[in-house]
Amino acid sequence: MRISENFKVHEVANEHIILAPGIDDVDMTRAMSFNESAMMLYTKLRGRDFEEEDVVRLLTEEYDVDEEVATADAKEWIKSLKDNGLIEV
C-alpha cells in the first residue's frame, strides 16, 4: 500500500491537518488531523510502498511500546487512512 500523493499536510493552530489540494469548498468536518505519532508515520512512509509490519516496526523503534500494542495501533492508523481515502493499493 502507499499513501496518496493527492493530499497535503497543513499546520493549523499547532495541529497537522490533511486536506486534498485544489478543493474550493472544503468540508472541515471531513478533515483529518494527525497526532505526533501519526504524523511521524505519515512523514516516514509517504512516497513509498509499505506494509503493516513497517508501521509496527516504526512504532516500536520510536516509542516505548511492545509489538502487540504497536500492531493494534498500526491497524487503527491504516484503517483510518483507508477510511479517509489516503491509501492507494
Protein backbone atom coordinates (compact mmCIF):
# COMPACT_ATOMS: atom_id res chain seq x y z
CA MET A 1 0.00 0.00 0.00
CA ARG A 2 1.04 3.63 -0.41
CA ILE A 3 -0.10 6.98 0.99
CA SER A 4 -1.79 9.02 -1.74
CA GLU A 5 0.19 11.99 -3.02
CA ASN A 6 -3.10 13.86 -3.62
CA PHE A 7 -3.26 15.01 -0.01
CA LYS A 8 -1.17 17.66 1.68
CA VAL A 9 -0.44 18.31 5.34
CA HIS A 10 -1.21 21.79 6.63
CA GLU A 11 -0.28 23.04 10.08
CA VAL A 12 -3.19 24.96 11.58
CA ALA A 13 -3.11 26.14 15.19
CA ASN A 14 -0.37 23.62 16.06
CA GLU A 15 -2.41 20.77 14.53
CA HIS A 16 -1.46 18.76 11.46
CA ILE A 17 -4.50 18.69 9.16
CA ILE A 18 -4.71 16.60 5.97
CA LEU A 19 -6.60 18.12 3.04
CA ALA A 20 -6.83 17.42 -0.68
CA PRO A 21 -5.35 20.30 -2.70
CA GLY A 22 -7.44 22.35 -5.08
CA ILE A 23 -10.76 21.97 -3.28
CA ASP A 24 -12.72 25.23 -3.31
CA ASP A 25 -15.36 24.35 -0.73
CA VAL A 26 -13.50 22.32 1.89
CA ASP A 27 -15.74 20.40 4.27
CA MET A 28 -13.78 20.76 7.53
CA THR A 29 -15.97 18.12 9.16
CA ARG A 30 -14.13 15.66 6.91
CA ALA A 31 -10.62 16.98 7.60
CA MET A 32 -8.26 14.52 9.25
CA SER A 33 -5.81 15.62 11.93
CA PHE A 34 -2.68 13.75 12.99
CA ASN A 35 -1.19 13.49 16.44
CA GLU A 36 2.59 13.25 16.90
CA SER A 37 2.89 9.51 16.24
CA ALA A 38 0.51 9.56 13.26
CA MET A 39 2.49 12.45 11.75
CA MET A 40 5.77 10.58 12.28
CA LEU A 41 4.36 7.56 10.43
CA TYR A 42 2.94 9.74 7.64
CA THR A 43 6.27 11.52 7.18
CA LYS A 44 8.39 8.37 7.16
CA LEU A 45 6.08 6.27 4.97
CA ARG A 46 4.85 8.82 2.45
CA GLY A 47 6.26 8.30 -1.03
CA ARG A 48 6.99 4.59 -0.68
CA ASP A 49 5.22 1.27 -0.55
CA PHE A 50 4.74 -0.15 2.93
CA GLU A 51 3.01 -2.93 4.81
CA GLU A 52 1.52 -3.15 8.29
CA GLU A 53 4.80 -4.66 9.54
CA ASP A 54 6.65 -1.47 8.53
CA VAL A 55 4.25 0.61 10.64
CA VAL A 56 4.70 -1.74 13.61
CA ARG A 57 8.50 -1.56 13.27
CA LEU A 58 8.49 2.24 13.20
CA LEU A 59 6.25 2.44 16.25
CA THR A 60 8.37 0.01 18.30
CA GLU A 61 11.58 1.78 17.27
CA GLU A 62 10.30 5.28 18.03
CA TYR A 63 8.20 4.67 21.15
CA ASP A 64 8.43 2.52 24.25
CA VAL A 65 5.65 0.19 23.17
CA ASP A 66 5.52 -3.59 22.77
CA GLU A 67 4.73 -5.29 19.48
CA GLU A 68 1.15 -6.18 20.48
CA VAL A 69 0.24 -2.56 21.21
CA ALA A 70 2.12 -1.34 18.11
CA THR A 71 0.24 -3.85 15.94
CA ALA A 72 -3.13 -2.68 17.25
CA ASP A 73 -2.12 0.96 16.72
CA ALA A 74 -0.81 0.19 13.21
CA LYS A 75 -4.10 -1.48 12.25
CA GLU A 76 -6.06 1.51 13.56
CA TRP A 77 -3.83 4.04 11.75
CA ILE A 78 -4.02 2.16 8.44
CA LYS A 79 -7.81 1.76 8.76
CA SER A 80 -8.17 5.48 9.41
CA LEU A 81 -6.11 6.32 6.33
CA LYS A 82 -8.15 3.89 4.22
CA ASP A 83 -11.46 5.19 5.58
CA ASN A 84 -10.42 8.73 4.60
CA GLY A 85 -9.14 7.78 1.14
CA LEU A 86 -5.47 8.41 1.89
CA ILE A 87 -4.27 4.93 0.92
CA GLU A 88 -3.59 3.74 -2.62
CA VAL A 89 -3.44 -0.01 -3.07
